[in-house]
Amino acid sequence: MRHFSEIILPDEQASETLSGIILTMSVLSALRVTSGQTIDPIHLVYAAAGSTLAWGFVDGMMDLIGVLINRTHTYKVLNSLVKAQSLGEFRQHLMDESPSYIVEKLNDNSLEQIQTFLRSQEQTHRPGLNRDDLQKAFYIWLIVVSASLPLIMPLILIKDHLVAFRVTQFISVWIMFAMGYKLGDWLGIHSLFSGLFFAAFGAFITMVCIALGG
């Protein structure tokens, strides 16, 4: 079984974590506004947990669909390149899928070598999903669900509802900062700036979601 970080890249980890945080904070805030201050915290916990469980599943399934679509398209493109009847047709197919400024610099001899190489390769079977794809979908679900757990714990452990919600808000910003910091390190940019930007960006999206009704 491949390692977690080999299947889910840091940018995907950050975006899925952000998705889980935004969903959780939107649900919690919307319920507090519509139900008033008297709502049972346990009901908030159930609503947030149920939403992230469902959304994590949806995110995972959408990733599988995206993978299948991309592989099917790649399969079609490779077949078109292999079956091209002339170098002109081959060049056109290549330009449709590659940066034109690169293809334009390839002479006929280079194009012929590329096509010969593609034709020499064993034709792959029709695209499908494999174990790694299913594992990635599960990891996506796990990330979205895990992102909500630190946010709902204060609602269970702290009796003062307002204090619990403020602690939840603080934790959400901190998690977004940590993910942004890690992402900055992966991208090779200033980690502190990346963390602050990611936290501010996530907080902004959350506020917009809440303002639009959750």
C-alpha atoms as a PDB file:
ATOM      1  CA  MET A   1       0.000   0.000   0.000  1.00  0.00           C
ATOM      2  CA  ARG A   2       1.382   3.401  -1.010  1.00  0.00           C
ATOM      3  CA  HIS A   3       2.096   6.036   1.608  1.00  0.00           C
ATOM      4  CA  PHE A   4      -0.490   8.727   2.307  1.00  0.00           C
ATOM      5  CA  SER A   5       1.720  11.592   1.057  1.00  0.00           C
ATOM      6  CA  GLU A   6       2.389   9.721  -2.194  1.00  0.00           C
ATOM      7  CA  ILE A   7      -1.306   9.575  -3.017  1.00  0.00           C
ATOM      8  CA  ILE A   8      -2.542  12.913  -1.662  1.00  0.00           C
ATOM      9  CA  LEU A   9      -0.221  15.777  -2.547  1.00  0.00           C
ATOM     10  CA  PRO A  10       0.108  18.748  -0.133  1.00  0.00           C
ATOM     11  CA  ASP A  11      -2.036  21.009  -2.313  1.00  0.00           C
ATOM     12  CA  GLU A  12      -4.827  18.427  -2.312  1.00  0.00           C
ATOM     13  CA  GLN A  13      -4.458  17.932   1.444  1.00  0.00           C
ATOM     14  CA  ALA A  14      -4.775  21.684   1.955  1.00  0.00           C
ATOM     15  CA  SER A  15      -7.810  22.092  -0.311  1.00  0.00           C
ATOM     16  CA  GLU A  16      -9.676  19.121   1.200  1.00  0.00           C
ATOM     17  CA  THR A  17      -8.882  20.300   4.735  1.00  0.00           C
ATOM     18  CA  LEU A  18     -10.146  23.761   3.832  1.00  0.00           C
ATOM     19  CA  SER A  19     -13.293  22.207   2.375  1.00  0.00           C
ATOM     20  CA  GLY A  20     -13.979  20.321   5.624  1.00  0.00           C
ATOM     21  CA  ILE A  21     -13.378  23.413   7.773  1.00  0.00           C
ATOM     22  CA  ILE A  22     -15.558  25.676   5.633  1.00  0.00           C
ATOM     23  CA  LEU A  23     -18.399  23.154   5.625  1.00  0.00           C
ATOM     24  CA  THR A  24     -18.214  22.620   9.391  1.00  0.00           C
ATOM     25  CA  MET A  25     -18.049  26.328  10.249  1.00  0.00           C
ATOM     26  CA  SER A  26     -20.853  27.149   7.802  1.00  0.00           C
ATOM     27  CA  VAL A  27     -23.143  24.501   9.315  1.00  0.00           C
ATOM     28  CA  LEU A  28     -22.359  25.512  12.891  1.00  0.00           C
ATOM     29  CA  SER A  29     -22.797  29.220  12.215  1.00  0.00           C
ATOM     30  CA  ALA A  30     -25.981  28.801  10.187  1.00  0.00           C
ATOM     31  CA  LEU A  31     -27.588  26.650  12.884  1.00  0.00           C
ATOM     32  CA  ARG A  32     -26.616  29.084  15.646  1.00  0.00           C
ATOM     33  CA  VAL A  33     -28.122  31.990  13.707  1.00  0.00           C
ATOM     34  CA  THR A  34     -31.358  30.234  12.747  1.00  0.00           C
ATOM     35  CA  SER A  35     -31.909  28.461  16.077  1.00  0.00           C
ATOM     36  CA  GLY A  36     -30.678  31.122  18.466  1.00  0.00           C
ATOM     37  CA  GLN A  37     -28.409  30.689  21.453  1.00  0.00           C
ATOM     38  CA  THR A  38     -30.592  27.967  23.028  1.00  0.00           C
ATOM     39  CA  ILE A  39     -29.699  25.213  20.584  1.00  0.00           C
ATOM     40  CA  ASP A  40     -28.286  22.056  22.139  1.00  0.00           C
ATOM     41  CA  PRO A  41     -24.544  21.781  21.347  1.00  0.00           C
ATOM     42  CA  ILE A  42     -25.001  18.070  20.728  1.00  0.00           C
ATOM     43  CA  HIS A  43     -27.355  18.896  17.870  1.00  0.00           C
ATOM     44  CA  LEU A  44     -24.662  21.149  16.423  1.00  0.00           C
ATOM     45  CA  VAL A  45     -22.154  18.319  16.704  1.00  0.00           C
ATOM     46  CA  TYR A  46     -24.464  15.846  14.982  1.00  0.00           C
ATOM     47  CA  ALA A  47     -25.235  18.297  12.179  1.00  0.00           C
ATOM     48  CA  ALA A  48     -21.577  19.172  11.558  1.00  0.00           C
ATOM     49  CA  ALA A  49     -20.399  15.556  11.758  1.00  0.00           C
ATOM     50  CA  GLY A  50     -23.172  14.330   9.458  1.00  0.00           C
ATOM     51  CA  SER A  51     -22.477  17.061   6.913  1.00  0.00           C
ATOM     52  CA  THR A  52     -18.754  16.348   6.746  1.00  0.00           C
ATOM     53  CA  LEU A  53     -19.312  12.591   6.548  1.00  0.00           C
ATOM     54  CA  ALA A  54     -21.592  13.129   3.564  1.00  0.00           C
ATOM     55  CA  TRP A  55     -19.465  15.786   1.895  1.00  0.00           C
ATOM     56  CA  GLY A  56     -16.278  13.774   2.308  1.00  0.00           C
ATOM     57  CA  PHE A  57     -17.999  10.909   0.518  1.00  0.00           C
ATOM     58  CA  VAL A  58     -19.149  13.234  -2.279  1.00  0.00           C
ATOM     59  CA  ASP A  59     -15.639  14.680  -2.648  1.00  0.00           C
ATOM     60  CA  GLY A  60     -14.143  11.200  -2.855  1.00  0.00           C
ATOM     61  CA  MET A  61     -16.658  10.068  -5.482  1.00  0.00           C
ATOM     62  CA  MET A  62     -16.126  13.214  -7.554  1.00  0.00           C
ATOM     63  CA  ASP A  63     -12.378  12.575  -7.512  1.00  0.00           C
ATOM     64  CA  LEU A  64     -12.963   9.060  -8.873  1.00  0.00           C
ATOM     65  CA  ILE A  65     -15.174  10.448 -11.635  1.00  0.00           C
ATOM     66  CA  GLY A  66     -12.543  13.056 -12.496  1.00  0.00           C
ATOM     67  CA  VAL A  67      -9.822  10.409 -12.699  1.00  0.00           C
ATOM     68  CA  LEU A  68     -11.964   8.244 -14.970  1.00  0.00           C
ATOM     69  CA  ILE A  69     -12.797  11.169 -17.258  1.00  0.00           C
ATOM     70  CA  ASN A  70      -9.137  12.203 -17.555  1.00  0.00           C
ATOM     71  CA  ARG A  71      -7.969   8.669 -18.296  1.00  0.00           C
ATOM     72  CA  THR A  72     -10.687   8.168 -20.905  1.00  0.00           C
ATOM     73  CA  HIS A  73      -9.715  11.412 -22.608  1.00  0.00           C
ATOM     74  CA  THR A  74      -6.012  10.471 -22.542  1.00  0.00           C
ATOM     75  CA  TYR A  75      -6.862   7.084 -24.042  1.00  0.00           C
ATOM     76  CA  LYS A  76      -8.767   8.772 -26.859  1.00  0.00           C
ATOM     77  CA  VAL A  77      -5.925  11.233 -27.541  1.00  0.00           C
ATOM     78  CA  LEU A  78      -3.273   8.500 -27.672  1.00  0.00           C
ATOM     79  CA  ASN A  79      -5.398   6.484 -30.080  1.00  0.00           C
ATOM     80  CA  SER A  80      -5.805   9.552 -32.299  1.00  0.00           C
ATOM     81  CA  LEU A  81      -2.049  10.140 -32.333  1.00  0.00           C
ATOM     82  CA  VAL A  82      -1.231   6.508 -33.085  1.00  0.00           C
ATOM     83  CA  LYS A  83      -3.812   6.253 -35.889  1.00  0.00           C
ATOM     84  CA  ALA A  84      -2.972   9.602 -37.535  1.00  0.00           C
ATOM     85  CA  GLN A  85      -2.554   8.970 -41.300  1.00  0.00           C
ATOM     86  CA  SER A  86      -0.174  11.878 -41.937  1.00  0.00           C
ATOM     87  CA  LEU A  87       2.306  14.043 -40.073  1.00  0.00           C
ATOM     88  CA  GLY A  88      -0.005  17.019 -40.606  1.00  0.00           C
ATOM     89  CA  GLU A  89      -2.842  15.187 -38.883  1.00  0.00           C
ATOM     90  CA  PHE A  90      -0.478  14.034 -36.146  1.00  0.00           C
ATOM     91  CA  ARG A  91       0.750  17.612 -35.597  1.00  0.00           C
ATOM     92  CA  GLN A  92      -2.814  18.900 -35.370  1.00  0.00           C
ATOM     93  CA  HIS A  93      -3.793  16.294 -32.764  1.00  0.00           C
ATOM     94  CA  LEU A  94      -0.663  17.133 -30.805  1.00  0.00           C
ATOM     95  CA  MET A  95      -1.400  20.863 -30.935  1.00  0.00           C
ATOM     96  CA  ASP A  96      -4.930  20.248 -29.671  1.00  0.00           C
ATOM     97  CA  GLU A  97      -3.533  18.716 -26.486  1.00  0.00           C
ATOM     98  CA  SER A  98      -0.138  20.413 -26.023  1.00  0.00           C
ATOM     99  CA  PRO A  99       1.149  24.006 -25.894  1.00  0.00           C
ATOM    100  CA  SER A 100       1.192  25.144 -29.530  1.00  0.00           C
ATOM    101  CA  TYR A 101       4.465  27.046 -29.137  1.00  0.00           C
ATOM    102  CA  ILE A 102       6.219  23.747 -28.359  1.00  0.00           C
ATOM    103  CA  VAL A 103       4.623  21.735 -31.161  1.00  0.00           C
ATOM    104  CA  GLU A 104       5.372  24.481 -33.703  1.00  0.00           C
ATOM    105  CA  LYS A 105       9.098  24.096 -32.993  1.00  0.00           C
ATOM    106  CA  LEU A 106       9.072  20.363 -33.750  1.00  0.00           C
ATOM    107  CA  ASN A 107      10.167  19.471 -37.268  1.00  0.00           C
ATOM    108  CA  ASP A 108       8.708  16.605 -39.272  1.00  0.00           C
ATOM    109  CA  ASN A 109      11.533  14.275 -38.282  1.00  0.00           C
ATOM    110  CA  SER A 110      10.845  14.866 -34.571  1.00  0.00           C
ATOM    111  CA  LEU A 111       7.127  14.297 -35.078  1.00  0.00           C
ATOM    112  CA  GLU A 112       7.807  11.060 -36.947  1.00  0.00           C
ATOM    113  CA  GLN A 113      10.044   9.834 -34.130  1.00  0.00           C
ATOM    114  CA  ILE A 114       7.355  10.610 -31.563  1.00  0.00           C
ATOM    115  CA  GLN A 115       4.671   8.794 -33.536  1.00  0.00           C
ATOM    116  CA  THR A 116       6.959   5.824 -34.131  1.00  0.00           C
ATOM    117  CA  PHE A 117       7.621   5.626 -30.401  1.00  0.00           C
ATOM    118  CA  LEU A 118       3.905   5.772 -29.570  1.00  0.00           C
ATOM    119  CA  ARG A 119       3.126   3.052 -32.102  1.00  0.00           C
ATOM    120  CA  SER A 120       5.844   0.832 -30.636  1.00  0.00           C
ATOM    121  CA  GLN A 121       4.263   0.943 -27.196  1.00  0.00           C
ATOM    122  CA  GLU A 122       1.857  -1.729 -26.091  1.00  0.00           C
ATOM    123  CA  GLN A 123      -1.680  -0.480 -26.365  1.00  0.00           C
ATOM    124  CA  THR A 124      -3.266  -0.109 -22.952  1.00  0.00           C
ATOM    125  CA  HIS A 125      -6.683  -1.524 -22.212  1.00  0.00           C
ATOM    126  CA  ARG A 126      -9.613   0.801 -21.813  1.00  0.00           C
ATOM    127  CA  PRO A 127      -9.171   3.065 -18.789  1.00  0.00           C
ATOM    128  CA  GLY A 128     -10.625   2.159 -15.420  1.00  0.00           C
ATOM    129  CA  LEU A 129     -10.045   2.630 -11.717  1.00  0.00           C
ATOM    130  CA  ASN A 130      -7.506   0.824  -9.595  1.00  0.00           C
ATOM    131  CA  ARG A 131      -6.750   0.247  -5.933  1.00  0.00           C
ATOM    132  CA  ASP A 132      -4.754   3.470  -5.595  1.00  0.00           C
ATOM    133  CA  ASP A 133      -7.715   5.470  -6.894  1.00  0.00           C
ATOM    134  CA  LEU A 134     -10.042   3.929  -4.326  1.00  0.00           C
ATOM    135  CA  GLN A 135      -7.443   4.483  -1.621  1.00  0.00           C
ATOM    136  CA  LYS A 136      -7.172   8.150  -2.604  1.00  0.00           C
ATOM    137  CA  ALA A 137     -10.964   8.554  -2.480  1.00  0.00           C
ATOM    138  CA  PHE A 138     -10.943   7.097   1.030  1.00  0.00           C
ATOM    139  CA  TYR A 139      -8.133   9.447   2.076  1.00  0.00           C
ATOM    140  CA  ILE A 140     -10.104  12.420   0.743  1.00  0.00           C
ATOM    141  CA  TRP A 141     -13.102  11.360   2.821  1.00  0.00           C
ATOM    142  CA  LEU A 142     -10.816  10.912   5.831  1.00  0.00           C
ATOM    143  CA  ILE A 143      -9.275  14.387   5.445  1.00  0.00           C
ATOM    144  CA  VAL A 144     -12.637  16.138   5.196  1.00  0.00           C
ATOM    145  CA  VAL A 145     -14.015  14.280   8.215  1.00  0.00           C
ATOM    146  CA  SER A 146     -10.810  14.717  10.253  1.00  0.00           C
ATOM    147  CA  ALA A 147     -10.852  18.473   9.623  1.00  0.00           C
ATOM    148  CA  SER A 148     -14.168  18.740  11.456  1.00  0.00           C
ATOM    149  CA  LEU A 149     -13.193  16.789  14.578  1.00  0.00           C
ATOM    150  CA  PRO A 150     -11.058  19.505  16.265  1.00  0.00           C
ATOM    151  CA  LEU A 151     -13.827  22.001  15.524  1.00  0.00           C
ATOM    152  CA  ILE A 152     -16.650  20.109  17.187  1.00  0.00           C
ATOM    153  CA  MET A 153     -14.732  18.970  20.260  1.00  0.00           C
ATOM    154  CA  PRO A 154     -14.983  22.367  22.054  1.00  0.00           C
ATOM    155  CA  LEU A 155     -18.768  22.158  21.711  1.00  0.00           C
ATOM    156  CA  ILE A 156     -18.676  18.905  23.677  1.00  0.00           C
ATOM    157  CA  LEU A 157     -16.030  19.833  26.253  1.00  0.00           C
ATOM    158  CA  ILE A 158     -16.869  23.488  27.005  1.00  0.00           C
ATOM    159  CA  LYS A 159     -20.168  24.250  28.729  1.00  0.00           C
ATOM    160  CA  ASP A 160     -20.317  27.922  27.769  1.00  0.00           C
ATOM    161  CA  HIS A 161     -21.701  27.802  24.222  1.00  0.00           C
ATOM    162  CA  LEU A 162     -20.320  31.172  23.138  1.00  0.00           C
ATOM    163  CA  VAL A 163     -16.838  30.419  24.462  1.00  0.00           C
ATOM    164  CA  ALA A 164     -16.934  26.997  22.796  1.00  0.00           C
ATOM    165  CA  PHE A 165     -17.833  28.549  19.465  1.00  0.00           C
ATOM    166  CA  ARG A 166     -15.059  31.155  19.745  1.00  0.00           C
ATOM    167  CA  VAL A 167     -12.561  28.378  20.509  1.00  0.00           C
ATOM    168  CA  THR A 168     -13.822  26.522  17.450  1.00  0.00           C
ATOM    169  CA  GLN A 169     -13.268  29.619  15.310  1.00  0.00           C
ATOM    170  CA  PHE A 170      -9.738  30.022  16.679  1.00  0.00           C
ATOM    171  CA  ILE A 171      -8.916  26.362  15.988  1.00  0.00           C
ATOM    172  CA  SER A 172     -10.223  26.613  12.426  1.00  0.00           C
ATOM    173  CA  VAL A 173      -7.988  29.602  11.673  1.00  0.00           C
ATOM    174  CA  TRP A 174      -5.008  27.860  13.259  1.00  0.00           C
ATOM    175  CA  ILE A 175      -5.523  24.703  11.180  1.00  0.00           C
ATOM    176  CA  MET A 176      -5.799  26.766   7.996  1.00  0.00           C
ATOM    177  CA  PHE A 177      -2.602  28.606   8.910  1.00  0.00           C
ATOM    178  CA  ALA A 178      -0.785  25.307   9.540  1.00  0.00           C
ATOM    179  CA  MET A 179      -1.928  23.874   6.204  1.00  0.00           C
ATOM    180  CA  GLY A 180      -0.914  27.054   4.400  1.00  0.00           C
ATOM    181  CA  TYR A 181       2.482  26.976   6.103  1.00  0.00           C
ATOM    182  CA  LYS A 182       3.040  23.383   4.972  1.00  0.00           C
ATOM    183  CA  LEU A 183       1.852  24.228   1.467  1.00  0.00           C
ATOM    184  CA  GLY A 184       4.261  27.174   1.266  1.00  0.00           C
ATOM    185  CA  ASP A 185       7.157  24.919   2.197  1.00  0.00           C
ATOM    186  CA  TRP A 186       6.122  22.451  -0.525  1.00  0.00           C
ATOM    187  CA  LEU A 187       5.830  25.229  -3.121  1.00  0.00           C
ATOM    188  CA  GLY A 188       9.148  26.767  -2.158  1.00  0.00           C
ATOM    189  CA  ILE A 189       7.672  30.123  -1.160  1.00  0.00           C
ATOM    190  CA  HIS A 190       7.720  32.006   2.157  1.00  0.00           C
ATOM    191  CA  SER A 191       5.936  29.621   4.550  1.00  0.00           C
ATOM    192  CA  LEU A 192       4.790  32.307   7.010  1.00  0.00           C
ATOM    193  CA  PHE A 193       3.249  34.410   4.246  1.00  0.00           C
ATOM    194  CA  SER A 194       1.592  31.327   2.742  1.00  0.00           C
ATOM    195  CA  GLY A 195       0.165  30.336   6.123  1.00  0.00           C
ATOM    196  CA  LEU A 196      -1.255  33.798   6.795  1.00  0.00           C
ATOM    197  CA  PHE A 197      -2.704  34.043   3.304  1.00  0.00           C
ATOM    198  CA  PHE A 198      -4.310  30.594   3.502  1.00  0.00           C
ATOM    199  CA  ALA A 199      -5.835  31.375   6.912  1.00  0.00           C
ATOM    200  CA  ALA A 200      -7.198  34.730   5.703  1.00  0.00           C
ATOM    201  CA  PHE A 201      -8.480  33.203   2.469  1.00  0.00           C
ATOM    202  CA  GLY A 202     -10.206  30.366   4.310  1.00  0.00           C
ATOM    203  CA  ALA A 203     -11.762  32.742   6.841  1.00  0.00           C
ATOM    204  CA  PHE A 204     -13.036  34.953   4.001  1.00  0.00           C
ATOM    205  CA  ILE A 205     -14.626  32.019   2.153  1.00  0.00           C
ATOM    206  CA  THR A 206     -16.239  30.822   5.385  1.00  0.00           C
ATOM    207  CA  MET A 207     -17.735  34.258   6.073  1.00  0.00           C
ATOM    208  CA  VAL A 208     -19.099  34.468   2.534  1.00  0.00           C
ATOM    209  CA  CYS A 209     -20.674  31.010   2.854  1.00  0.00           C
ATOM    210  CA  ILE A 210     -22.281  32.004   6.163  1.00  0.00           C
ATOM    211  CA  ALA A 211     -23.536  35.302   4.707  1.00  0.00           C
ATOM    212  CA  LEU A 212     -25.101  33.429   1.777  1.00  0.00           C
ATOM    213  CA  GLY A 213     -26.964  31.114   4.101  1.00  0.00           C
ATOM    214  CA  GLY A 214     -24.434  28.437   4.990  1.00  0.00           C
END
